[in-house]
PDB file of N, CA and C in Angstrom:
ATOM      1  N   UNK A   1      -2.406  50.701   3.619  1.00  0.00           N
ATOM      2  CA  UNK A   1      -3.260  50.214   2.581  1.00  0.00           C
ATOM      3  C   UNK A   1      -2.764  48.892   2.047  1.00  0.00           C
ATOM      4  N   UNK A   2      -3.651  48.025   1.700  1.00  0.00           N
ATOM      5  CA  UNK A   2      -3.285  46.717   1.184  1.00  0.00           C
ATOM      6  C   UNK A   2      -3.070  46.790  -0.323  1.00  0.00           C
ATOM      7  N   UNK A   3      -2.030  46.092  -0.782  1.00  0.00           N
ATOM      8  CA  UNK A   3      -1.729  46.126  -2.215  1.00  0.00           C
ATOM      9  C   UNK A   3      -2.461  45.025  -2.977  1.00  0.00           C
ATOM     10  N   UNK A   4      -3.097  44.099  -2.272  1.00  0.00           N
ATOM     11  CA  UNK A   4      -3.843  43.036  -2.955  1.00  0.00           C
ATOM     12  C   UNK A   4      -5.259  43.501  -3.221  1.00  0.00           C
ATOM     13  N   UNK A   5      -5.777  43.078  -4.339  1.00  0.00           N
ATOM     14  CA  UNK A   5      -7.152  43.440  -4.671  1.00  0.00           C
ATOM     15  C   UNK A   5      -7.918  42.183  -5.054  1.00  0.00           C
ATOM     16  N   UNK A   6      -9.181  42.168  -4.744  1.00  0.00           N
ATOM     17  CA  UNK A   6     -10.003  41.015  -5.101  1.00  0.00           C
ATOM     18  C   UNK A   6     -10.389  41.122  -6.574  1.00  0.00           C
ATOM     19  N   UNK A   7     -10.630  39.971  -7.220  1.00  0.00           N
ATOM     20  CA  UNK A   7     -10.983  40.022  -8.638  1.00  0.00           C
ATOM     21  C   UNK A   7     -12.337  40.675  -8.848  1.00  0.00           C
ATOM     22  N   UNK A   8     -12.452  41.332  -9.962  1.00  0.00           N
ATOM     23  CA  UNK A   8     -13.700  41.987 -10.316  1.00  0.00           C
ATOM     24  C   UNK A   8     -14.762  40.932 -10.612  1.00  0.00           C
ATOM     25  N   UNK A   9     -16.034  41.185 -10.235  1.00  0.00           N
ATOM     26  CA  UNK A   9     -17.097  40.216 -10.514  1.00  0.00           C
ATOM     27  C   UNK A   9     -17.288  39.951 -12.010  1.00  0.00           C
ATOM     28  N   UNK A  10     -16.703  40.749 -12.858  1.00  0.00           N
ATOM     29  CA  UNK A  10     -16.850  40.538 -14.297  1.00  0.00           C
ATOM     30  C   UNK A  10     -15.599  39.958 -14.945  1.00  0.00           C
ATOM     31  N   UNK A  11     -14.595  39.652 -14.158  1.00  0.00           N
ATOM     32  CA  UNK A  11     -13.362  39.113 -14.735  1.00  0.00           C
ATOM     33  C   UNK A  11     -13.573  37.638 -15.108  1.00  0.00           C
ATOM     34  N   UNK A  12     -12.859  37.151 -16.123  1.00  0.00           N
ATOM     35  CA  UNK A  12     -13.020  35.751 -16.550  1.00  0.00           C
ATOM     36  C   UNK A  12     -12.704  34.747 -15.450  1.00  0.00           C
ATOM     37  N   UNK A  13     -11.697  35.021 -14.627  1.00  0.00           N
ATOM     38  CA  UNK A  13     -11.364  34.063 -13.575  1.00  0.00           C
ATOM     39  C   UNK A  13     -12.464  33.999 -12.517  1.00  0.00           C
ATOM     40  N   UNK A  14     -13.075  35.120 -12.227  1.00  0.00           N
ATOM     41  CA  UNK A  14     -14.167  35.145 -11.260  1.00  0.00           C
ATOM     42  C   UNK A  14     -15.369  34.367 -11.798  1.00  0.00           C
ATOM     43  N   UNK A  15     -15.708  34.579 -13.068  1.00  0.00           N
ATOM     44  CA  UNK A  15     -16.845  33.866 -13.663  1.00  0.00           C
ATOM     45  C   UNK A  15     -16.567  32.376 -13.749  1.00  0.00           C
ATOM     46  N   UNK A  16     -15.334  31.994 -14.089  1.00  0.00           N
ATOM     47  CA  UNK A  16     -14.995  30.574 -14.155  1.00  0.00           C
ATOM     48  C   UNK A  16     -15.094  29.930 -12.780  1.00  0.00           C
ATOM     49  N   UNK A  17     -14.627  30.623 -11.755  1.00  0.00           N
ATOM     50  CA  UNK A  17     -14.710  30.098 -10.396  1.00  0.00           C
ATOM     51  C   UNK A  17     -16.154  29.960  -9.940  1.00  0.00           C
ATOM     52  N   UNK A  18     -16.966  30.965 -10.240  1.00  0.00           N
ATOM     53  CA  UNK A  18     -18.368  30.908  -9.846  1.00  0.00           C
ATOM     54  C   UNK A  18     -19.098  29.786 -10.578  1.00  0.00           C
ATOM     55  N   UNK A  19     -18.804  29.615 -11.866  1.00  0.00           N
ATOM     56  CA  UNK A  19     -19.429  28.537 -12.639  1.00  0.00           C
ATOM     57  C   UNK A  19     -19.018  27.181 -12.089  1.00  0.00           C
ATOM     58  N   UNK A  20     -17.738  27.009 -11.770  1.00  0.00           N
ATOM     59  CA  UNK A  20     -17.268  25.746 -11.207  1.00  0.00           C
ATOM     60  C   UNK A  20     -17.911  25.471  -9.854  1.00  0.00           C
ATOM     61  N   UNK A  21     -18.097  26.504  -9.050  1.00  0.00           N
ATOM     62  CA  UNK A  21     -18.728  26.329  -7.738  1.00  0.00           C
ATOM     63  C   UNK A  21     -20.187  25.898  -7.886  1.00  0.00           C
ATOM     64  N   UNK A  22     -20.905  26.508  -8.817  1.00  0.00           N
ATOM     65  CA  UNK A  22     -22.309  26.142  -9.036  1.00  0.00           C
ATOM     66  C   UNK A  22     -22.397  24.717  -9.581  1.00  0.00           C
ATOM     67  N   UNK A  23     -21.527  24.361 -10.530  1.00  0.00           N
ATOM     68  CA  UNK A  23     -21.538  23.001 -11.086  1.00  0.00           C
ATOM     69  C   UNK A  23     -21.205  21.975 -10.007  1.00  0.00           C
ATOM     70  N   UNK A  24     -20.271  22.290  -9.138  1.00  0.00           N
ATOM     71  CA  UNK A  24     -19.934  21.390  -8.040  1.00  0.00           C
ATOM     72  C   UNK A  24     -21.087  21.222  -7.063  1.00  0.00           C
ATOM     73  N   UNK A  25     -21.775  22.312  -6.767  1.00  0.00           N
ATOM     74  CA  UNK A  25     -22.917  22.235  -5.856  1.00  0.00           C
ATOM     75  C   UNK A  25     -24.040  21.392  -6.461  1.00  0.00           C
ATOM     76  N   UNK A  26     -24.267  21.527  -7.755  1.00  0.00           N
ATOM     77  CA  UNK A  26     -25.299  20.721  -8.421  1.00  0.00           C
ATOM     78  C   UNK A  26     -24.903  19.250  -8.411  1.00  0.00           C
ATOM     79  N   UNK A  27     -23.624  18.972  -8.670  1.00  0.00           N
ATOM     80  CA  UNK A  27     -23.161  17.589  -8.658  1.00  0.00           C
ATOM     81  C   UNK A  27     -23.313  16.938  -7.298  1.00  0.00           C
ATOM     82  N   UNK A  28     -22.971  17.662  -6.252  1.00  0.00           N
ATOM     83  CA  UNK A  28     -23.117  17.127  -4.900  1.00  0.00           C
ATOM     84  C   UNK A  28     -24.595  16.946  -4.558  1.00  0.00           C
ATOM     85  N   UNK A  29     -25.441  17.850  -5.000  1.00  0.00           N
ATOM     86  CA  UNK A  29     -26.874  17.732  -4.727  1.00  0.00           C
ATOM     87  C   UNK A  29     -27.465  16.505  -5.404  1.00  0.00           C
ATOM     88  N   UNK A  30     -26.979  16.185  -6.613  1.00  0.00           N
ATOM     89  CA  UNK A  30     -27.485  15.009  -7.317  1.00  0.00           C
ATOM     90  C   UNK A  30     -27.196  13.729  -6.548  1.00  0.00           C
ATOM     91  N   UNK A  31     -26.111  13.705  -5.831  1.00  0.00           N
ATOM     92  CA  UNK A  31     -25.761  12.535  -5.043  1.00  0.00           C
ATOM     93  C   UNK A  31     -26.800  12.284  -3.952  1.00  0.00           C
ATOM     94  N   UNK A  32     -27.336  13.353  -3.372  1.00  0.00           N
ATOM     95  CA  UNK A  32     -28.314  13.206  -2.294  1.00  0.00           C
ATOM     96  C   UNK A  32     -29.750  13.159  -2.807  1.00  0.00           C
ATOM     97  N   UNK A  33     -30.028  13.967  -3.801  1.00  0.00           N
ATOM     98  CA  UNK A  33     -31.401  14.062  -4.299  1.00  0.00           C
ATOM     99  C   UNK A  33     -31.702  12.996  -5.345  1.00  0.00           C
ATOM    100  N   UNK A  34     -30.677  12.574  -6.091  1.00  0.00           N
ATOM    101  CA  UNK A  34     -30.857  11.612  -7.172  1.00  0.00           C
ATOM    102  C   UNK A  34     -31.597  10.340  -6.788  1.00  0.00           C
ATOM    103  N   UNK A  35     -31.223   9.669  -5.683  1.00  0.00           N
ATOM    104  CA  UNK A  35     -31.949   8.456  -5.298  1.00  0.00           C
ATOM    105  C   UNK A  35     -33.429   8.704  -5.018  1.00  0.00           C
ATOM    106  N   UNK A  36     -33.759   9.834  -4.438  1.00  0.00           N
ATOM    107  CA  UNK A  36     -35.169  10.140  -4.162  1.00  0.00           C
ATOM    108  C   UNK A  36     -35.944  10.390  -5.456  1.00  0.00           C
ATOM    109  N   UNK A  37     -35.305  11.048  -6.418  1.00  0.00           N
ATOM    110  CA  UNK A  37     -35.956  11.285  -7.711  1.00  0.00           C
ATOM    111  C   UNK A  37     -36.187   9.956  -8.427  1.00  0.00           C
ATOM    112  N   UNK A  38     -35.180   9.080  -8.417  1.00  0.00           N
ATOM    113  CA  UNK A  38     -35.344   7.769  -9.053  1.00  0.00           C
ATOM    114  C   UNK A  38     -36.439   6.959  -8.365  1.00  0.00           C
ATOM    115  N   UNK A  39     -36.504   7.028  -7.051  1.00  0.00           N
ATOM    116  CA  UNK A  39     -37.545   6.321  -6.314  1.00  0.00           C
ATOM    117  C   UNK A  39     -38.925   6.871  -6.660  1.00  0.00           C
ATOM    118  N   UNK A  40     -39.038   8.179  -6.791  1.00  0.00           N
ATOM    119  CA  UNK A  40     -40.314   8.799  -7.146  1.00  0.00           C
ATOM    120  C   UNK A  40     -40.738   8.417  -8.562  1.00  0.00           C
ATOM    121  N   UNK A  41     -39.767   8.180  -9.437  1.00  0.00           N
ATOM    122  CA  UNK A  41     -40.088   7.780 -10.814  1.00  0.00           C
ATOM    123  C   UNK A  41     -40.351   6.287 -10.945  1.00  0.00           C
ATOM    124  N   UNK A  42     -40.185   5.541  -9.863  1.00  0.00           N
ATOM    125  CA  UNK A  42     -40.505   4.121  -9.891  1.00  0.00           C
ATOM    126  C   UNK A  42     -39.306   3.204 -10.052  1.00  0.00           C
ATOM    127  N   UNK A  43     -38.102   3.753 -10.064  1.00  0.00           N
ATOM    128  CA  UNK A  43     -36.916   2.913 -10.150  1.00  0.00           C
ATOM    129  C   UNK A  43     -36.503   2.514  -8.742  1.00  0.00           C
ATOM    130  N   UNK A  44     -36.559   1.239  -8.453  1.00  0.00           N
ATOM    131  CA  UNK A  44     -36.178   0.769  -7.131  1.00  0.00           C
ATOM    132  C   UNK A  44     -34.819   0.097  -7.198  1.00  0.00           C
ATOM    133  N   UNK A  45     -34.238  -0.150  -6.058  1.00  0.00           N
ATOM    134  CA  UNK A  45     -32.918  -0.770  -5.984  1.00  0.00           C
ATOM    135  C   UNK A  45     -32.845  -2.117  -6.665  1.00  0.00           C
ATOM    136  N   UNK A  46     -33.769  -3.061  -6.348  1.00  0.00           N
ATOM    137  CA  UNK A  46     -33.687  -4.368  -7.007  1.00  0.00           C
ATOM    138  C   UNK A  46     -33.841  -4.276  -8.528  1.00  0.00           C
ATOM    139  N   UNK A  47     -34.648  -3.341  -8.998  1.00  0.00           N
ATOM    140  CA  UNK A  47     -34.822  -3.193 -10.441  1.00  0.00           C
ATOM    141  C   UNK A  47     -33.517  -2.774 -11.107  1.00  0.00           C
ATOM    142  N   UNK A  48     -32.810  -1.829 -10.502  1.00  0.00           N
ATOM    143  CA  UNK A  48     -31.548  -1.360 -11.072  1.00  0.00           C
ATOM    144  C   UNK A  48     -30.470  -2.437 -10.990  1.00  0.00           C
ATOM    145  N   UNK A  49     -30.428  -3.168  -9.870  1.00  0.00           N
ATOM    146  CA  UNK A  49     -29.431  -4.217  -9.715  1.00  0.00           C
ATOM    147  C   UNK A  49     -29.680  -5.333 -10.725  1.00  0.00           C
ATOM    148  N   UNK A  50     -30.941  -5.660 -10.946  1.00  0.00           N
ATOM    149  CA  UNK A  50     -31.285  -6.709 -11.910  1.00  0.00           C
ATOM    150  C   UNK A  50     -30.888  -6.309 -13.324  1.00  0.00           C
ATOM    151  N   UNK A  51     -31.014  -5.057 -13.650  1.00  0.00           N
ATOM    152  CA  UNK A  51     -30.656  -4.592 -14.985  1.00  0.00           C
ATOM    153  C   UNK A  51     -29.151  -4.624 -15.199  1.00  0.00           C
ATOM    154  N   UNK A  52     -28.378  -4.432 -14.144  1.00  0.00           N
ATOM    155  CA  UNK A  52     -26.922  -4.403 -14.263  1.00  0.00           C
ATOM    156  C   UNK A  52     -26.264  -5.751 -14.008  1.00  0.00           C
ATOM    157  N   UNK A  53     -27.025  -6.771 -13.652  1.00  0.00           N
ATOM    158  CA  UNK A  53     -26.468  -8.081 -13.320  1.00  0.00           C
ATOM    159  C   UNK A  53     -25.634  -8.698 -14.438  1.00  0.00           C
ATOM    160  N   UNK A  54     -26.008  -8.606 -15.725  1.00  0.00           N
ATOM    161  CA  UNK A  54     -25.167  -9.214 -16.767  1.00  0.00           C
ATOM    162  C   UNK A  54     -23.774  -8.591 -16.873  1.00  0.00           C
ATOM    163  N   UNK A  55     -23.617  -7.368 -16.417  1.00  0.00           N
ATOM    164  CA  UNK A  55     -22.334  -6.680 -16.523  1.00  0.00           C
ATOM    165  C   UNK A  55     -21.453  -6.868 -15.288  1.00  0.00           C
ATOM    166  N   UNK A  56     -21.945  -7.577 -14.296  1.00  0.00           N
ATOM    167  CA  UNK A  56     -21.227  -7.717 -13.029  1.00  0.00           C
ATOM    168  C   UNK A  56     -19.831  -8.327 -13.194  1.00  0.00           C
ATOM    169  N   UNK A  57     -19.668  -9.439 -13.918  1.00  0.00           N
ATOM    170  CA  UNK A  57     -18.308  -9.983 -14.050  1.00  0.00           C
ATOM    171  C   UNK A  57     -17.342  -9.017 -14.730  1.00  0.00           C
ATOM    172  N   UNK A  58     -17.839  -8.258 -15.695  1.00  0.00           N
ATOM    173  CA  UNK A  58     -16.971  -7.306 -16.395  1.00  0.00           C
ATOM    174  C   UNK A  58     -16.557  -6.171 -15.479  1.00  0.00           C
ATOM    175  N   UNK A  59     -17.480  -5.699 -14.656  1.00  0.00           N
ATOM    176  CA  UNK A  59     -17.166  -4.605 -13.738  1.00  0.00           C
ATOM    177  C   UNK A  59     -16.158  -5.076 -12.692  1.00  0.00           C
ATOM    178  N   UNK A  60     -16.385  -6.259 -12.132  1.00  0.00           N
ATOM    179  CA  UNK A  60     -15.464  -6.793 -11.132  1.00  0.00           C
ATOM    180  C   UNK A  60     -14.091  -7.031 -11.757  1.00  0.00           C
ATOM    181  N   UNK A  61     -14.066  -7.580 -12.968  1.00  0.00           N
ATOM    182  CA  UNK A  61     -12.798  -7.805 -13.654  1.00  0.00           C
ATOM    183  C   UNK A  61     -12.060  -6.517 -13.941  1.00  0.00           C
ATOM    184  N   UNK A  62     -12.793  -5.506 -14.389  1.00  0.00           N
ATOM    185  CA  UNK A  62     -12.166  -4.205 -14.646  1.00  0.00           C
ATOM    186  C   UNK A  62     -11.595  -3.618 -13.363  1.00  0.00           C
ATOM    187  N   UNK A  63     -12.332  -3.739 -12.267  1.00  0.00           N
ATOM    188  CA  UNK A  63     -11.846  -3.219 -11.000  1.00  0.00           C
ATOM    189  C   UNK A  63     -10.577  -3.938 -10.557  1.00  0.00           C
ATOM    190  N   UNK A  64     -10.548  -5.255 -10.726  1.00  0.00           N
ATOM    191  CA  UNK A  64      -9.358  -6.005 -10.341  1.00  0.00           C
ATOM    192  C   UNK A  64      -8.151  -5.625 -11.198  1.00  0.00           C
ATOM    193  N   UNK A  65      -8.358  -5.531 -12.504  1.00  0.00           N
ATOM    194  CA  UNK A  65      -7.264  -5.160 -13.393  1.00  0.00           C
ATOM    195  C   UNK A  65      -6.783  -3.738 -13.072  1.00  0.00           C
ATOM    196  N   UNK A  66      -7.695  -2.827 -12.834  1.00  0.00           N
ATOM    197  CA  UNK A  66      -7.316  -1.453 -12.513  1.00  0.00           C
ATOM    198  C   UNK A  66      -6.542  -1.400 -11.192  1.00  0.00           C
ATOM    199  N   UNK A  67      -6.986  -2.164 -10.203  1.00  0.00           N
ATOM    200  CA  UNK A  67      -6.295  -2.167  -8.910  1.00  0.00           C
ATOM    201  C   UNK A  67      -4.891  -2.755  -9.039  1.00  0.00           C
ATOM    202  N   UNK A  68      -4.779  -3.882  -9.743  1.00  0.00           N
ATOM    203  CA  UNK A  68      -3.470  -4.511  -9.910  1.00  0.00           C
ATOM    204  C   UNK A  68      -2.548  -3.587 -10.703  1.00  0.00           C
ATOM    205  N   UNK A  69      -3.065  -2.954 -11.753  1.00  0.00           N
ATOM    206  CA  UNK A  69      -2.249  -2.038 -12.539  1.00  0.00           C
ATOM    207  C   UNK A  69      -1.819  -0.834 -11.698  1.00  0.00           C
ATOM    208  N   UNK A  70      -2.715  -0.333 -10.868  1.00  0.00           N
ATOM    209  CA  UNK A  70      -2.364   0.793 -10.000  1.00  0.00           C
ATOM    210  C   UNK A  70      -1.255   0.391  -9.030  1.00  0.00           C
ATOM    211  N   UNK A  71      -1.422  -0.778  -8.418  1.00  0.00           N
ATOM    212  CA  UNK A  71      -0.416  -1.233  -7.467  1.00  0.00           C
ATOM    213  C   UNK A  71       0.933  -1.472  -8.145  1.00  0.00           C
ATOM    214  N   UNK A  72       0.889  -1.901  -9.392  1.00  0.00           N
ATOM    215  CA  UNK A  72       2.127  -2.213 -10.108  1.00  0.00           C
ATOM    216  C   UNK A  72       2.798  -0.958 -10.658  1.00  0.00           C
ATOM    217  N   UNK A  73       2.018  -0.007 -11.136  1.00  0.00           N
ATOM    218  CA  UNK A  73       2.576   1.135 -11.841  1.00  0.00           C
ATOM    219  C   UNK A  73       2.769   2.378 -10.987  1.00  0.00           C
ATOM    220  N   UNK A  74       2.293   2.365  -9.758  1.00  0.00           N
ATOM    221  CA  UNK A  74       2.449   3.551  -8.915  1.00  0.00           C
ATOM    222  C   UNK A  74       3.911   3.755  -8.560  1.00  0.00           C
ATOM    223  N   UNK A  75       4.297   4.990  -8.276  1.00  0.00           N
ATOM    224  CA  UNK A  75       5.698   5.224  -7.907  1.00  0.00           C
ATOM    225  C   UNK A  75       5.988   4.592  -6.543  1.00  0.00           C
ATOM    226  N   UNK A  76       7.159   4.012  -6.380  1.00  0.00           N
ATOM    227  CA  UNK A  76       7.472   3.358  -5.106  1.00  0.00           C
ATOM    228  C   UNK A  76       7.646   4.373  -3.984  1.00  0.00           C
ATOM    229  N   UNK A  77       7.343   3.928  -2.793  1.00  0.00           N
ATOM    230  CA  UNK A  77       7.533   4.784  -1.624  1.00  0.00           C
ATOM    231  C   UNK A  77       9.030   4.956  -1.380  1.00  0.00           C
ATOM    232  N   UNK A  78       9.376   6.034  -0.725  1.00  0.00           N
ATOM    233  CA  UNK A  78      10.785   6.346  -0.502  1.00  0.00           C
ATOM    234  C   UNK A  78      11.432   5.312   0.412  1.00  0.00           C
ATOM    235  N   UNK A  79      10.737   4.901   1.442  1.00  0.00           N
ATOM    236  CA  UNK A  79      11.329   3.990   2.419  1.00  0.00           C
ATOM    237  C   UNK A  79      10.803   2.566   2.271  1.00  0.00           C
ATOM    238  N   UNK A  80      10.406   2.191   1.072  1.00  0.00           N
ATOM    239  CA  UNK A  80       9.843   0.859   0.858  1.00  0.00           C
ATOM    240  C   UNK A  80      10.950  -0.181   0.968  1.00  0.00           C
ATOM    241  N   UNK A  81      10.790  -1.112   1.896  1.00  0.00           N
ATOM    242  CA  UNK A  81      11.726  -2.218   2.044  1.00  0.00           C
ATOM    243  C   UNK A  81      10.953  -3.491   1.762  1.00  0.00           C
ATOM    244  N   UNK A  82      11.031  -3.949   0.533  1.00  0.00           N
ATOM    245  CA  UNK A  82      10.271  -5.103   0.097  1.00  0.00           C
ATOM    246  C   UNK A  82      11.229  -6.231  -0.223  1.00  0.00           C
ATOM    247  N   UNK A  83      10.894  -7.429   0.232  1.00  0.00           N
ATOM    248  CA  UNK A  83      11.777  -8.565   0.019  1.00  0.00           C
ATOM    249  C   UNK A  83      11.737  -9.053  -1.430  1.00  0.00           C
ATOM    250  N   UNK A  84      10.599  -8.877  -2.104  1.00  0.00           N
ATOM    251  CA  UNK A  84      10.491  -9.345  -3.486  1.00  0.00           C
ATOM    252  C   UNK A  84      11.184  -8.382  -4.430  1.00  0.00           C
ATOM    253  N   UNK A  85      11.868  -8.945  -5.413  1.00  0.00           N
ATOM    254  CA  UNK A  85      12.514  -8.079  -6.388  1.00  0.00           C
ATOM    255  C   UNK A  85      11.530  -7.685  -7.479  1.00  0.00           C
ATOM    256  N   UNK A  86      11.968  -6.833  -8.367  1.00  0.00           N
ATOM    257  CA  UNK A  86      11.092  -6.282  -9.399  1.00  0.00           C
ATOM    258  C   UNK A  86      10.630  -7.346 -10.384  1.00  0.00           C
ATOM    259  N   UNK A  87      11.474  -8.299 -10.719  1.00  0.00           N
ATOM    260  CA  UNK A  87      11.099  -9.348 -11.672  1.00  0.00           C
ATOM    261  C   UNK A  87       9.987 -10.225 -11.108  1.00  0.00           C
ATOM    262  N   UNK A  88      10.046 -10.533  -9.833  1.00  0.00           N
ATOM    263  CA  UNK A  88       9.011 -11.351  -9.202  1.00  0.00           C
ATOM    264  C   UNK A  88       7.681 -10.609  -9.196  1.00  0.00           C
ATOM    265  N   UNK A  89       7.722  -9.334  -8.865  1.00  0.00           N
ATOM    266  CA  UNK A  89       6.492  -8.538  -8.877  1.00  0.00           C
ATOM    267  C   UNK A  89       5.888  -8.480 -10.274  1.00  0.00           C
ATOM    268  N   UNK A  90       6.731  -8.289 -11.272  1.00  0.00           N
ATOM    269  CA  UNK A  90       6.245  -8.203 -12.644  1.00  0.00           C
ATOM    270  C   UNK A  90       5.652  -9.541 -13.083  1.00  0.00           C
ATOM    271  N   UNK A  91       6.276 -10.633 -12.735  1.00  0.00           N
ATOM    272  CA  UNK A  91       5.747 -11.957 -13.086  1.00  0.00           C
ATOM    273  C   UNK A  91       4.398 -12.190 -12.416  1.00  0.00           C
ATOM    274  N   UNK A  92       4.269 -11.838 -11.140  1.00  0.00           N
ATOM    275  CA  UNK A  92       2.997 -12.006 -10.435  1.00  0.00           C
ATOM    276  C   UNK A  92       1.912 -11.110 -11.023  1.00  0.00           C
ATOM    277  N   UNK A  93       2.295  -9.923 -11.453  1.00  0.00           N
ATOM    278  CA  UNK A  93       1.328  -9.026 -12.092  1.00  0.00           C
ATOM    279  C   UNK A  93       0.759  -9.655 -13.357  1.00  0.00           C
ATOM    280  N   UNK A  94       1.605 -10.177 -14.216  1.00  0.00           N
ATOM    281  CA  UNK A  94       1.131 -10.763 -15.480  1.00  0.00           C
ATOM    282  C   UNK A  94       0.353 -12.042 -15.239  1.00  0.00           C
ATOM    283  N   UNK A  95       0.728 -12.836 -14.259  1.00  0.00           N
ATOM    284  CA  UNK A  95      -0.034 -14.048 -13.939  1.00  0.00           C
ATOM    285  C   UNK A  95      -1.432 -13.672 -13.454  1.00  0.00           C
ATOM    286  N   UNK A  96      -1.509 -12.695 -12.558  1.00  0.00           N
ATOM    287  CA  UNK A  96      -2.819 -12.260 -12.059  1.00  0.00           C
ATOM    288  C   UNK A  96      -3.662 -11.677 -13.179  1.00  0.00           C
ATOM    289  N   UNK A  97      -3.042 -10.900 -14.054  1.00  0.00           N
ATOM    290  CA  UNK A  97      -3.782 -10.315 -15.169  1.00  0.00           C
ATOM    291  C   UNK A  97      -4.318 -11.395 -16.103  1.00  0.00           C
ATOM    292  N   UNK A  98      -3.506 -12.396 -16.404  1.00  0.00           N
ATOM    293  CA  UNK A  98      -3.965 -13.492 -17.268  1.00  0.00           C
ATOM    294  C   UNK A  98      -5.089 -14.291 -16.610  1.00  0.00           C
ATOM    295  N   UNK A  99      -5.007 -14.518 -15.313  1.00  0.00           N
ATOM    296  CA  UNK A  99      -6.076 -15.240 -14.623  1.00  0.00           C
ATOM    297  C   UNK A  99      -7.388 -14.459 -14.643  1.00  0.00           C
ATOM    298  N   UNK A 100      -7.302 -13.161 -14.435  1.00  0.00           N
ATOM    299  CA  UNK A 100      -8.504 -12.328 -14.442  1.00  0.00           C
ATOM    300  C   UNK A 100      -9.125 -12.300 -15.831  1.00  0.00           C
ATOM    301  N   UNK A 101      -8.319 -12.037 -16.837  1.00  0.00           N
ATOM    302  CA  UNK A 101      -8.845 -11.993 -18.207  1.00  0.00           C
ATOM    303  C   UNK A 101      -9.374 -13.355 -18.630  1.00  0.00           C
ATOM    304  N   UNK A 102      -8.674 -14.418 -18.277  1.00  0.00           N
ATOM    305  CA  UNK A 102      -9.147 -15.768 -18.594  1.00  0.00           C
ATOM    306  C   UNK A 102     -10.484 -16.088 -17.950  1.00  0.00           C
ATOM    307  N   UNK A 103     -10.664 -15.700 -16.707  1.00  0.00           N
ATOM    308  CA  UNK A 103     -11.945 -15.956 -16.057  1.00  0.00           C
ATOM    309  C   UNK A 103     -13.058 -15.119 -16.670  1.00  0.00           C
ATOM    310  N   UNK A 104     -12.751 -13.897 -17.098  1.00  0.00           N
ATOM    311  CA  UNK A 104     -13.767 -13.077 -17.769  1.00  0.00           C
ATOM    312  C   UNK A 104     -14.174 -13.682 -19.095  1.00  0.00           C
ATOM    313  N   UNK A 105     -13.217 -14.191 -19.849  1.00  0.00           N
ATOM    314  CA  UNK A 105     -13.534 -14.820 -21.125  1.00  0.00           C
ATOM    315  C   UNK A 105     -14.348 -16.084 -20.897  1.00  0.00           C
ATOM    316  N   UNK A 106     -14.001 -16.860 -19.864  1.00  0.00           N
ATOM    317  CA  UNK A 106     -14.740 -18.085 -19.568  1.00  0.00           C
ATOM    318  C   UNK A 106     -16.178 -17.771 -19.147  1.00  0.00           C
ATOM    319  N   UNK A 107     -16.375 -16.679 -18.406  1.00  0.00           N
ATOM    320  CA  UNK A 107     -17.722 -16.307 -17.981  1.00  0.00           C
ATOM    321  C   UNK A 107     -18.545 -15.756 -19.145  1.00  0.00           C
ATOM    322  N   UNK A 108     -17.874 -15.129 -20.100  1.00  0.00           N
ATOM    323  CA  UNK A 108     -18.595 -14.529 -21.219  1.00  0.00           C
ATOM    324  C   UNK A 108     -19.052 -15.583 -22.231  1.00  0.00           C
ATOM    325  N   UNK A 109     -18.381 -16.700 -22.278  1.00  0.00           N
ATOM    326  CA  UNK A 109     -18.716 -17.736 -23.276  1.00  0.00           C
ATOM    327  C   UNK A 109     -19.882 -18.551 -22.852  1.00  0.00           C
TER     328      UNK A 109
END
């Protein structure tokens, strides 16, 4: 006889798992069905892109800052052999960050 037992359908962990599975399935379905629903409602690609155009520099700037911060703050690899020292990397990080923020401010004005 096996000593392991499956959770009861009325246990809290079972209900939480089932709820998470249903929510995940709905989320994945929205990815596929969502564009068709928007198209049926009259929202087309160029219309959505045109509405988001004023925010484009901010989105690109945020992505660049997030990428640079990720590259700078991530834990180093175990076998990383990099010729640049930590001070050089930190200086390049701040220079890149200032250039990105400066260009965003210049575009916003």
